[in-house]
Every structure is written in structure tokens, then in C-alpha cells.
Amino acid sequence: MNTLKMINLFYNELIKACFKRRTYISFILITLLIPVVVYAINYGAASLQTKIYGQMEDSFIFIGTIINGFLSSYLIVAILITHMPFLSTIIPSEIISGEYSKGTFRIYLTRAISRTGVFFAKVVVVYLFTTLMMFYFFFYSLLVSYLILGFGELIVFHKGILLLSEDDIIWRFFLGFIFSNAVMLTISSLCLFFSSFSKNSVTPIISTISIVFIGTAISFIPIDIFEIVDPFLFTGYIDVFLLAFYDPVPIEVFFNCLTVCFVWSFLFISVAYYNFKQRDILE
């Protein structure tokens, strides 16, 4: 298939995705939720600061406040990142199964286009929207937090209290975005895999979230066999964002994250592609 046809297929899939209301659900939720959380952090700044300092207030004198836009963004991403897998399933759950259920493949795939081109155009659209959603989540949080709370130094807990200066923070958010996005792309690939076997958009979401739930449980249950398996599961890296704020940054863990996510994504996409190529469009 030549490049022009592939571009046209991608454009066609992009237009279809843009005209579906479900495409914007995640962006609307993020847009509405983030300001509420930031205002809540601002309102409860004194209480939050006391909880962070803990008993240190009895031994040290602190000048100023640690509640700022960076801390707000850090808390928002750290807490909500575990819920992003659900939002990552909204588009891939329907992009194949929806066309089977509506019967549009009966017309679409009988034209002079290859199933390979159609499938990978859908994959690119899924990956594009997942990446845009994660980028919006990270940097919209930073923007809103900055406008309401301003910026300052960031205090995180790593081997005690770690104080990060203003010029040592933004790149860490970007690093966290890159690797968190890799995990979400893997989850989107998993959902796309289920979508290629399904005739409705609900089953892929339920199946994907169920697997993420099981994988997350394995990560948190302190059993020897689970601790051996966990590094090879992509679900064990959902909170990889937090590692971007360690000093030094654990490069080996990030490398393992990329490797694991790539292998699982390749597996999901390969099986989904094979099924898409073999599936009867008349069934």
C-alpha cells in the first residue's frame, strides 16, 4: 500500500473519531476535575502542609509554604494516574467493535483497500488520542496549578524528604509523562485487542479494566511469586511517574518499563491484527 492511501485511511479514521462524542469524554472529565482538585488543595493548604511536615514541626522552624503548583500537580498526577487506564479504553474499545456492530465493515472492507491499512490506521488514531489525553492530563494540571498556586520548590518523599528546586522539576514531569504514556499505550493496545474480537464496545472496556485490576493487585500483594512476576507485567508500571522524582532517577527501571510495554503492546497488536485479517465481515 502506497503512502498516499495510508494517509487517506488515517485521515478517514481520524475524522470518524473526531465526530464521535465519546472521544471527548476523557478531555471533558480532566478539564472539569483538575480545577476542582487544585482549589481543594488551595483551600486545605494549611492542613495539607501540617500532614506533610508531621512531627518535624516540633523540631524545625519552617519559613513560607510548600503548597504550590508543582506540589499540586504532583499530587494530582500521582493520585489520578491509577484511574487513567479507564479513560484510555474509551476510544480503542469502540474503534473496531463499533464498526462490526453497525455493519459498516461490510461496505468499508469490500472497497479497494487492504485490511492491513485499515487496521494500522486505527492503531495510529488510538495511539494519537491516548498520547494527547495523557499530555493534556499532565500539562493541563501544571497550567491550572500554576495559575492558582504559582510555582516553587517541590518536596517529595524518597529516602526521607527530597527538596527539588524549580529548575529541576519540569523535565521530571516530562519524563514521567513519557513513561506513563507508554503504559497507557499498552493498555490501549490491550483494549484494541479485545475490540477486535468483540461486537460491542462494553466488553473490551470491562475485560481491559479487569486485567488491569488483577495486575495491579499482583503488584501490591507482598507474596514471593507475585514479586517475581510483577516486573514482567505492564500493570506494575502504572505508577512509574513517581520514579521520575527520585534522585538519582532509576534509569534501569525506566528501561525495563519501556521494554515490557513494547513487548506486551507488540503481542496485543499482532494478535488483534491476525484476528482482524481473518475475521468474517458478514458474520
C-alpha atoms as a PDB file:
ATOM      1  CA  MET A   1       0.000   0.000   0.000  1.00  0.00           C
ATOM      2  CA  ASN A   2       1.402   3.364  -1.003  1.00  0.00           C
ATOM      3  CA  THR A   3       1.907   6.248   1.379  1.00  0.00           C
ATOM      4  CA  LEU A   4      -0.931   8.360  -0.032  1.00  0.00           C
ATOM      5  CA  LYS A   5      -3.514   5.626   0.546  1.00  0.00           C
ATOM      6  CA  MET A   6      -2.244   5.119   4.083  1.00  0.00           C
ATOM      7  CA  ILE A   7      -2.516   8.839   4.791  1.00  0.00           C
ATOM      8  CA  ASN A   8      -6.070   8.872   3.407  1.00  0.00           C
ATOM      9  CA  LEU A   9      -7.027   5.902   5.579  1.00  0.00           C
ATOM     10  CA  PHE A  10      -5.548   7.588   8.636  1.00  0.00           C
ATOM     11  CA  TYR A  11      -7.388  10.819   7.818  1.00  0.00           C
ATOM     12  CA  ASN A  12     -10.625   8.880   7.391  1.00  0.00           C
ATOM     13  CA  GLU A  13     -10.229   7.167  10.775  1.00  0.00           C
ATOM     14  CA  LEU A  14      -9.272  10.470  12.389  1.00  0.00           C
ATOM     15  CA  ILE A  15     -12.394  12.177  11.052  1.00  0.00           C
ATOM     16  CA  LYS A  16     -14.598   9.344  12.318  1.00  0.00           C
ATOM     17  CA  ALA A  17     -13.007   9.541  15.765  1.00  0.00           C
ATOM     18  CA  CYS A  18     -13.331  13.328  15.925  1.00  0.00           C
ATOM     19  CA  PHE A  19     -17.054  13.183  15.169  1.00  0.00           C
ATOM     20  CA  LYS A  20     -17.807  10.739  17.978  1.00  0.00           C
ATOM     21  CA  ARG A  21     -18.846  12.336  21.251  1.00  0.00           C
ATOM     22  CA  ARG A  22     -17.206   9.623  23.329  1.00  0.00           C
ATOM     23  CA  THR A  23     -13.817  10.798  22.028  1.00  0.00           C
ATOM     24  CA  TYR A  24     -14.059  13.926  24.172  1.00  0.00           C
ATOM     25  CA  ILE A  25     -15.283  12.325  27.401  1.00  0.00           C
ATOM     26  CA  SER A  26     -11.799  11.981  28.896  1.00  0.00           C
ATOM     27  CA  PHE A  27     -10.803  15.542  27.965  1.00  0.00           C
ATOM     28  CA  ILE A  28     -14.007  16.969  29.445  1.00  0.00           C
ATOM     29  CA  LEU A  29     -13.575  14.997  32.679  1.00  0.00           C
ATOM     30  CA  ILE A  30      -9.974  16.168  33.046  1.00  0.00           C
ATOM     31  CA  THR A  31     -10.931  19.768  32.248  1.00  0.00           C
ATOM     32  CA  LEU A  32     -13.637  19.837  34.912  1.00  0.00           C
ATOM     33  CA  LEU A  33     -11.903  17.785  37.610  1.00  0.00           C
ATOM     34  CA  ILE A  34      -8.430  19.347  37.764  1.00  0.00           C
ATOM     35  CA  PRO A  35      -9.514  22.901  38.769  1.00  0.00           C
ATOM     36  CA  VAL A  36     -11.753  21.457  41.492  1.00  0.00           C
ATOM     37  CA  VAL A  37      -8.877  19.442  42.957  1.00  0.00           C
ATOM     38  CA  VAL A  38      -6.460  22.392  42.771  1.00  0.00           C
ATOM     39  CA  TYR A  39      -8.941  24.695  44.530  1.00  0.00           C
ATOM     40  CA  ALA A  40      -9.445  21.994  47.175  1.00  0.00           C
ATOM     41  CA  ILE A  41      -5.678  21.803  47.722  1.00  0.00           C
ATOM     42  CA  ASN A  42      -5.511  25.590  47.965  1.00  0.00           C
ATOM     43  CA  TYR A  43      -8.405  25.682  50.428  1.00  0.00           C
ATOM     44  CA  GLY A  44      -6.888  22.986  52.646  1.00  0.00           C
ATOM     45  CA  ALA A  45      -3.285  24.172  52.274  1.00  0.00           C
ATOM     46  CA  ALA A  46      -2.648  24.593  55.996  1.00  0.00           C
ATOM     47  CA  SER A  47      -3.977  21.149  56.875  1.00  0.00           C
ATOM     48  CA  LEU A  48      -2.093  19.513  53.999  1.00  0.00           C
ATOM     49  CA  GLN A  49       1.153  21.216  54.985  1.00  0.00           C
ATOM     50  CA  THR A  50       0.778  20.016  58.573  1.00  0.00           C
ATOM     51  CA  LYS A  51       0.263  16.432  57.391  1.00  0.00           C
ATOM     52  CA  ILE A  52       3.349  16.603  55.166  1.00  0.00           C
ATOM     53  CA  TYR A  53       5.567  18.074  57.858  1.00  0.00           C
ATOM     54  CA  GLY A  54       4.242  15.722  60.508  1.00  0.00           C
ATOM     55  CA  GLN A  55       6.273  15.711  63.708  1.00  0.00           C
ATOM     56  CA  MET A  56       9.092  17.718  62.112  1.00  0.00           C
ATOM     57  CA  GLU A  57       7.254  20.909  63.045  1.00  0.00           C
ATOM     58  CA  ASP A  58       8.190  20.204  66.665  1.00  0.00           C
ATOM     59  CA  SER A  59      11.912  20.139  65.814  1.00  0.00           C
ATOM     60  CA  PHE A  60      12.328  22.612  62.940  1.00  0.00           C
ATOM     61  CA  ILE A  61      11.173  26.109  62.059  1.00  0.00           C
ATOM     62  CA  PHE A  62       9.723  26.367  58.545  1.00  0.00           C
ATOM     63  CA  ILE A  63       9.513  29.660  56.677  1.00  0.00           C
ATOM     64  CA  GLY A  64       6.994  30.081  53.871  1.00  0.00           C
ATOM     65  CA  THR A  65       4.792  27.336  52.443  1.00  0.00           C
ATOM     66  CA  ILE A  66       5.441  24.205  50.430  1.00  0.00           C
ATOM     67  CA  ILE A  67       1.969  24.296  48.889  1.00  0.00           C
ATOM     68  CA  ASN A  68       2.473  25.430  45.294  1.00  0.00           C
ATOM     69  CA  GLY A  69       1.617  24.477  41.743  1.00  0.00           C
ATOM     70  CA  PHE A  70       4.308  21.824  41.475  1.00  0.00           C
ATOM     71  CA  LEU A  71       3.163  20.020  44.607  1.00  0.00           C
ATOM     72  CA  SER A  72      -0.446  20.295  43.471  1.00  0.00           C
ATOM     73  CA  SER A  73       0.372  18.826  40.038  1.00  0.00           C
ATOM     74  CA  TYR A  74       2.481  16.088  41.605  1.00  0.00           C
ATOM     75  CA  LEU A  75      -0.335  15.045  43.945  1.00  0.00           C
ATOM     76  CA  ILE A  76      -2.962  15.192  41.193  1.00  0.00           C
ATOM     77  CA  VAL A  77      -0.991  13.033  38.779  1.00  0.00           C
ATOM     78  CA  ALA A  78       0.169  10.619  41.491  1.00  0.00           C
ATOM     79  CA  ILE A  79      -3.402  10.045  42.686  1.00  0.00           C
ATOM     80  CA  LEU A  80      -5.322  10.097  39.399  1.00  0.00           C
ATOM     81  CA  ILE A  81      -2.808   8.159  37.283  1.00  0.00           C
ATOM     82  CA  THR A  82      -4.290   4.897  38.583  1.00  0.00           C
ATOM     83  CA  HIS A  83      -7.645   5.906  37.058  1.00  0.00           C
ATOM     84  CA  MET A  84      -6.273   6.815  33.626  1.00  0.00           C
ATOM     85  CA  PRO A  85      -6.442   3.205  32.316  1.00  0.00           C
ATOM     86  CA  PHE A  86     -10.230   3.532  32.241  1.00  0.00           C
ATOM     87  CA  LEU A  87     -10.060   6.709  30.164  1.00  0.00           C
ATOM     88  CA  SER A  88      -7.514   5.033  27.887  1.00  0.00           C
ATOM     89  CA  THR A  89     -10.097   2.413  26.892  1.00  0.00           C
ATOM     90  CA  ILE A  90     -12.803   4.776  25.666  1.00  0.00           C
ATOM     91  CA  ILE A  91     -11.582   5.096  22.067  1.00  0.00           C
ATOM     92  CA  PRO A  92      -9.995   1.670  21.369  1.00  0.00           C
ATOM     93  CA  SER A  93     -12.991  -0.168  22.842  1.00  0.00           C
ATOM     94  CA  GLU A  94     -15.217   1.030  20.013  1.00  0.00           C
ATOM     95  CA  ILE A  95     -12.931   1.692  17.075  1.00  0.00           C
ATOM     96  CA  ILE A  96     -13.197  -1.876  15.713  1.00  0.00           C
ATOM     97  CA  SER A  97     -16.097  -3.484  17.571  1.00  0.00           C
ATOM     98  CA  GLY A  98     -18.306  -0.470  16.855  1.00  0.00           C
ATOM     99  CA  GLU A  99     -17.929  -0.905  13.114  1.00  0.00           C
ATOM    100  CA  TYR A 100     -18.698  -4.601  13.388  1.00  0.00           C
ATOM    101  CA  SER A 101     -21.860  -3.909  15.374  1.00  0.00           C
ATOM    102  CA  LYS A 102     -23.009  -1.196  12.960  1.00  0.00           C
ATOM    103  CA  GLY A 103     -22.161  -3.282   9.906  1.00  0.00           C
ATOM    104  CA  THR A 104     -20.051  -0.571   8.278  1.00  0.00           C
ATOM    105  CA  PHE A 105     -17.232  -3.051   7.598  1.00  0.00           C
ATOM    106  CA  ARG A 106     -19.493  -4.807   5.100  1.00  0.00           C
ATOM    107  CA  ILE A 107     -19.183  -1.769   2.873  1.00  0.00           C
ATOM    108  CA  TYR A 108     -15.857  -0.385   4.043  1.00  0.00           C
ATOM    109  CA  LEU A 109     -13.758  -3.545   3.637  1.00  0.00           C
ATOM    110  CA  THR A 110     -15.202  -4.512   0.244  1.00  0.00           C
ATOM    111  CA  ARG A 111     -13.563  -1.492  -1.370  1.00  0.00           C
ATOM    112  CA  ALA A 112     -10.121  -1.454  -2.980  1.00  0.00           C
ATOM    113  CA  ILE A 113      -8.295  -1.026   0.322  1.00  0.00           C
ATOM    114  CA  SER A 114      -6.416  -3.549   2.392  1.00  0.00           C
ATOM    115  CA  ARG A 115      -7.418  -4.683   5.842  1.00  0.00           C
ATOM    116  CA  THR A 116      -3.823  -4.111   6.889  1.00  0.00           C
ATOM    117  CA  GLY A 117      -4.065  -0.421   6.030  1.00  0.00           C
ATOM    118  CA  VAL A 118      -7.413  -0.028   7.789  1.00  0.00           C
ATOM    119  CA  PHE A 119      -6.182  -1.791  10.925  1.00  0.00           C
ATOM    120  CA  PHE A 120      -2.979   0.167  11.323  1.00  0.00           C
ATOM    121  CA  ALA A 121      -4.747   3.449  10.580  1.00  0.00           C
ATOM    122  CA  LYS A 122      -6.977   2.643  13.547  1.00  0.00           C
ATOM    123  CA  VAL A 123      -3.940   1.792  15.686  1.00  0.00           C
ATOM    124  CA  VAL A 124      -2.317   5.145  14.880  1.00  0.00           C
ATOM    125  CA  VAL A 125      -5.524   7.012  15.768  1.00  0.00           C
ATOM    126  CA  VAL A 126      -5.808   5.145  19.081  1.00  0.00           C
ATOM    127  CA  TYR A 127      -2.194   5.881  19.955  1.00  0.00           C
ATOM    128  CA  LEU A 128      -2.555   9.518  18.915  1.00  0.00           C
ATOM    129  CA  PHE A 129      -5.594  10.175  21.097  1.00  0.00           C
ATOM    130  CA  THR A 130      -4.131   8.269  24.051  1.00  0.00           C
ATOM    131  CA  THR A 131      -0.948  10.346  23.860  1.00  0.00           C
ATOM    132  CA  LEU A 132      -2.911  13.594  23.514  1.00  0.00           C
ATOM    133  CA  MET A 133      -5.051  12.665  26.517  1.00  0.00           C
ATOM    134  CA  MET A 134      -2.016  11.915  28.692  1.00  0.00           C
ATOM    135  CA  PHE A 135      -0.217  15.068  27.558  1.00  0.00           C
ATOM    136  CA  TYR A 136      -3.314  17.118  28.325  1.00  0.00           C
ATOM    137  CA  PHE A 137      -3.666  15.457  31.735  1.00  0.00           C
ATOM    138  CA  PHE A 138      -0.079  16.198  32.769  1.00  0.00           C
ATOM    139  CA  PHE A 139       0.392  19.693  31.463  1.00  0.00           C
ATOM    140  CA  TYR A 140      -3.139  20.970  31.992  1.00  0.00           C
ATOM    141  CA  SER A 141      -2.601  20.028  35.651  1.00  0.00           C
ATOM    142  CA  LEU A 142       0.603  22.078  35.652  1.00  0.00           C
ATOM    143  CA  LEU A 143      -1.075  25.045  33.961  1.00  0.00           C
ATOM    144  CA  VAL A 144      -4.088  25.200  36.279  1.00  0.00           C
ATOM    145  CA  SER A 145      -1.922  24.637  39.358  1.00  0.00           C
ATOM    146  CA  TYR A 146       0.431  27.434  38.294  1.00  0.00           C
ATOM    147  CA  LEU A 147      -2.410  29.890  37.662  1.00  0.00           C
ATOM    148  CA  ILE A 148      -3.974  29.220  41.072  1.00  0.00           C
ATOM    149  CA  LEU A 149      -0.988  28.445  43.311  1.00  0.00           C
ATOM    150  CA  GLY A 150       2.097  29.604  41.435  1.00  0.00           C
ATOM    151  CA  PHE A 151       5.354  27.654  41.357  1.00  0.00           C
ATOM    152  CA  GLY A 152       8.024  26.964  43.933  1.00  0.00           C
ATOM    153  CA  GLU A 153      10.215  24.185  45.252  1.00  0.00           C
ATOM    154  CA  LEU A 154       8.806  20.675  45.401  1.00  0.00           C
ATOM    155  CA  ILE A 155       9.072  18.371  48.386  1.00  0.00           C
ATOM    156  CA  VAL A 156       8.727  14.630  47.749  1.00  0.00           C
ATOM    157  CA  PHE A 157       9.445  11.603  49.898  1.00  0.00           C
ATOM    158  CA  HIS A 158      12.373   9.494  48.711  1.00  0.00           C
ATOM    159  CA  LYS A 159      14.769   8.112  51.298  1.00  0.00           C
ATOM    160  CA  GLY A 160      13.424  10.777  53.619  1.00  0.00           C
ATOM    161  CA  ILE A 161      12.478  14.237  52.392  1.00  0.00           C
ATOM    162  CA  LEU A 162      13.804  15.304  48.984  1.00  0.00           C
ATOM    163  CA  LEU A 163      13.696  19.006  48.094  1.00  0.00           C
ATOM    164  CA  LEU A 164      13.702  19.743  44.346  1.00  0.00           C
ATOM    165  CA  SER A 165      14.421  23.252  43.066  1.00  0.00           C
ATOM    166  CA  GLU A 166      12.169  24.942  40.496  1.00  0.00           C
ATOM    167  CA  ASP A 167      14.587  24.395  37.608  1.00  0.00           C
ATOM    168  CA  ASP A 168      14.807  20.677  38.418  1.00  0.00           C
ATOM    169  CA  ILE A 169      11.113  19.846  38.162  1.00  0.00           C
ATOM    170  CA  ILE A 170       9.604  20.451  34.704  1.00  0.00           C
ATOM    171  CA  TRP A 171      11.857  17.908  32.979  1.00  0.00           C
ATOM    172  CA  ARG A 172      10.835  15.352  35.595  1.00  0.00           C
ATOM    173  CA  PHE A 173       7.163  15.879  34.750  1.00  0.00           C
ATOM    174  CA  PHE A 174       8.011  15.421  31.073  1.00  0.00           C
ATOM    175  CA  LEU A 175       9.959  12.250  31.878  1.00  0.00           C
ATOM    176  CA  GLY A 176       7.058  10.955  33.934  1.00  0.00           C
ATOM    177  CA  PHE A 177       4.684  11.732  31.059  1.00  0.00           C
ATOM    178  CA  ILE A 178       6.771   9.754  28.549  1.00  0.00           C
ATOM    179  CA  PHE A 179       6.855   6.562  30.589  1.00  0.00           C
ATOM    180  CA  SER A 180       3.315   6.837  31.948  1.00  0.00           C
ATOM    181  CA  ASN A 181       2.154   7.300  28.366  1.00  0.00           C
ATOM    182  CA  ALA A 182       3.992   4.113  27.360  1.00  0.00           C
ATOM    183  CA  VAL A 183       1.974   2.195  29.960  1.00  0.00           C
ATOM    184  CA  MET A 184      -1.306   3.754  28.791  1.00  0.00           C
ATOM    185  CA  LEU A 185      -0.483   2.919  25.163  1.00  0.00           C
ATOM    186  CA  THR A 186      -0.062  -0.696  26.242  1.00  0.00           C
ATOM    187  CA  ILE A 187      -3.451  -0.608  27.949  1.00  0.00           C
ATOM    188  CA  SER A 188      -4.963   0.925  24.799  1.00  0.00           C
ATOM    189  CA  SER A 189      -3.377  -1.907  22.788  1.00  0.00           C
ATOM    190  CA  LEU A 190      -4.943  -4.437  25.153  1.00  0.00           C
ATOM    191  CA  CYS A 191      -8.350  -2.823  24.726  1.00  0.00           C
ATOM    192  CA  LEU A 192      -7.888  -2.772  20.939  1.00  0.00           C
ATOM    193  CA  PHE A 193      -7.073  -6.477  21.129  1.00  0.00           C
ATOM    194  CA  PHE A 194     -10.384  -7.192  22.866  1.00  0.00           C
ATOM    195  CA  SER A 195     -12.201  -4.843  20.481  1.00  0.00           C
ATOM    196  CA  SER A 196     -11.056  -6.922  17.502  1.00  0.00           C
ATOM    197  CA  PHE A 197     -12.868  -9.945  18.976  1.00  0.00           C
ATOM    198  CA  SER A 198     -15.989  -8.161  20.215  1.00  0.00           C
ATOM    199  CA  LYS A 199     -19.203  -6.926  18.628  1.00  0.00           C
ATOM    200  CA  ASN A 200     -19.897  -4.266  21.261  1.00  0.00           C
ATOM    201  CA  SER A 201     -17.850  -1.553  22.934  1.00  0.00           C
ATOM    202  CA  VAL A 202     -18.633  -2.509  26.536  1.00  0.00           C
ATOM    203  CA  THR A 203     -16.958  -5.916  26.639  1.00  0.00           C
ATOM    204  CA  PRO A 204     -13.472  -4.590  25.700  1.00  0.00           C
ATOM    205  CA  ILE A 205     -13.648  -1.983  28.476  1.00  0.00           C
ATOM    206  CA  ILE A 206     -14.730  -4.491  31.123  1.00  0.00           C
ATOM    207  CA  SER A 207     -12.134  -7.041  30.007  1.00  0.00           C
ATOM    208  CA  THR A 208      -9.309  -4.493  29.943  1.00  0.00           C
ATOM    209  CA  ILE A 209     -10.107  -2.961  33.323  1.00  0.00           C
ATOM    210  CA  SER A 210     -10.446  -6.448  34.831  1.00  0.00           C
ATOM    211  CA  ILE A 211      -6.944  -7.383  33.673  1.00  0.00           C
ATOM    212  CA  VAL A 212      -5.538  -4.062  34.905  1.00  0.00           C
ATOM    213  CA  PHE A 213      -7.217  -4.663  38.267  1.00  0.00           C
ATOM    214  CA  ILE A 214      -5.735  -8.159  38.559  1.00  0.00           C
ATOM    215  CA  GLY A 215      -2.283  -6.932  37.520  1.00  0.00           C
ATOM    216  CA  THR A 216      -2.432  -4.059  39.993  1.00  0.00           C
ATOM    217  CA  ALA A 217      -3.448  -6.452  42.765  1.00  0.00           C
ATOM    218  CA  ILE A 218      -0.432  -8.625  41.943  1.00  0.00           C
ATOM    219  CA  SER A 219       1.795  -5.551  42.263  1.00  0.00           C
ATOM    220  CA  PHE A 220       0.529  -4.698  45.746  1.00  0.00           C
ATOM    221  CA  ILE A 221       0.186  -8.149  47.325  1.00  0.00           C
ATOM    222  CA  PRO A 222       3.516  -8.967  49.055  1.00  0.00           C
ATOM    223  CA  ILE A 223       3.826 -12.620  48.030  1.00  0.00           C
ATOM    224  CA  ASP A 224       7.112 -14.010  46.706  1.00  0.00           C
ATOM    225  CA  ILE A 225       5.696 -15.426  43.462  1.00  0.00           C
ATOM    226  CA  PHE A 226       3.910 -12.143  42.707  1.00  0.00           C
ATOM    227  CA  GLU A 227       7.098 -10.155  43.348  1.00  0.00           C
ATOM    228  CA  ILE A 228       8.913 -12.337  40.805  1.00  0.00           C
ATOM    229  CA  VAL A 229       6.208 -11.934  38.151  1.00  0.00           C
ATOM    230  CA  ASP A 230       5.426  -8.240  38.691  1.00  0.00           C
ATOM    231  CA  PRO A 231       8.445  -6.743  36.821  1.00  0.00           C
ATOM    232  CA  PHE A 232       7.255  -8.521  33.659  1.00  0.00           C
ATOM    233  CA  LEU A 233       3.719  -7.117  33.830  1.00  0.00           C
ATOM    234  CA  PHE A 234       2.943  -3.691  32.373  1.00  0.00           C
ATOM    235  CA  THR A 235       0.454  -3.088  35.186  1.00  0.00           C
ATOM    236  CA  GLY A 236       3.364  -2.946  37.612  1.00  0.00           C
ATOM    237  CA  TYR A 237       4.486   0.316  35.999  1.00  0.00           C
ATOM    238  CA  ILE A 238       1.248   2.312  36.208  1.00  0.00           C
ATOM    239  CA  ASP A 239       2.760   4.473  38.966  1.00  0.00           C
ATOM    240  CA  VAL A 240       6.141   4.792  37.195  1.00  0.00           C
ATOM    241  CA  PHE A 241       5.541   8.557  37.160  1.00  0.00           C
ATOM    242  CA  LEU A 242       6.648   8.727  40.805  1.00  0.00           C
ATOM    243  CA  LEU A 243      10.109   7.403  39.951  1.00  0.00           C
ATOM    244  CA  ALA A 244      10.820  10.470  37.813  1.00  0.00           C
ATOM    245  CA  PHE A 245      11.094  12.450  41.059  1.00  0.00           C
ATOM    246  CA  TYR A 246      13.695  10.200  42.646  1.00  0.00           C
ATOM    247  CA  ASP A 247      17.286  11.318  42.967  1.00  0.00           C
ATOM    248  CA  PRO A 248      19.043   9.759  41.201  1.00  0.00           C
ATOM    249  CA  VAL A 249      16.468   8.800  38.585  1.00  0.00           C
ATOM    250  CA  PRO A 250      16.324   4.969  38.318  1.00  0.00           C
ATOM    251  CA  ILE A 251      17.204   4.642  34.625  1.00  0.00           C
ATOM    252  CA  GLU A 252      17.185   0.840  34.757  1.00  0.00           C
ATOM    253  CA  VAL A 253      13.557   0.758  35.914  1.00  0.00           C
ATOM    254  CA  PHE A 254      12.528   3.112  33.105  1.00  0.00           C
ATOM    255  CA  PHE A 255      14.345   0.942  30.571  1.00  0.00           C
ATOM    256  CA  ASN A 256      12.551  -2.138  31.911  1.00  0.00           C
ATOM    257  CA  CYS A 257       9.257  -0.256  31.691  1.00  0.00           C
ATOM    258  CA  LEU A 258       9.762   0.568  28.015  1.00  0.00           C
ATOM    259  CA  THR A 259      10.851  -2.978  27.206  1.00  0.00           C
ATOM    260  CA  VAL A 260       7.915  -4.611  28.980  1.00  0.00           C
ATOM    261  CA  CYS A 261       5.393  -2.185  27.481  1.00  0.00           C
ATOM    262  CA  PHE A 262       6.799  -2.656  23.976  1.00  0.00           C
ATOM    263  CA  VAL A 263       6.684  -6.458  24.190  1.00  0.00           C
ATOM    264  CA  TRP A 264       3.122  -6.549  25.511  1.00  0.00           C
ATOM    265  CA  SER A 265       1.914  -3.912  23.021  1.00  0.00           C
ATOM    266  CA  PHE A 266       3.506  -5.812  20.140  1.00  0.00           C
ATOM    267  CA  LEU A 267       1.828  -9.019  21.309  1.00  0.00           C
ATOM    268  CA  PHE A 268      -1.616  -7.423  21.659  1.00  0.00           C
ATOM    269  CA  ILE A 269      -1.425  -5.618  18.309  1.00  0.00           C
ATOM    270  CA  SER A 270      -0.110  -8.706  16.496  1.00  0.00           C
ATOM    271  CA  VAL A 271      -2.918 -10.954  17.727  1.00  0.00           C
ATOM    272  CA  ALA A 272      -5.521  -8.250  17.069  1.00  0.00           C
ATOM    273  CA  TYR A 273      -4.149  -7.770  13.551  1.00  0.00           C
ATOM    274  CA  TYR A 274      -4.265 -11.502  12.812  1.00  0.00           C
ATOM    275  CA  ASN A 275      -7.848 -11.736  14.042  1.00  0.00           C
ATOM    276  CA  PHE A 276      -8.858  -8.631  12.084  1.00  0.00           C
ATOM    277  CA  LYS A 277      -7.378 -10.099   8.894  1.00  0.00           C
ATOM    278  CA  GLN A 278      -9.137 -13.442   9.345  1.00  0.00           C
ATOM    279  CA  ARG A 279     -12.492 -12.316  10.679  1.00  0.00           C
ATOM    280  CA  ASP A 280     -15.577 -12.722   8.534  1.00  0.00           C
ATOM    281  CA  ILE A 281     -17.118  -9.297   7.897  1.00  0.00           C
ATOM    282  CA  LEU A 282     -20.503 -10.899   7.126  1.00  0.00           C
ATOM    283  CA  GLU A 283     -20.939 -12.609  10.487  1.00  0.00           C
END
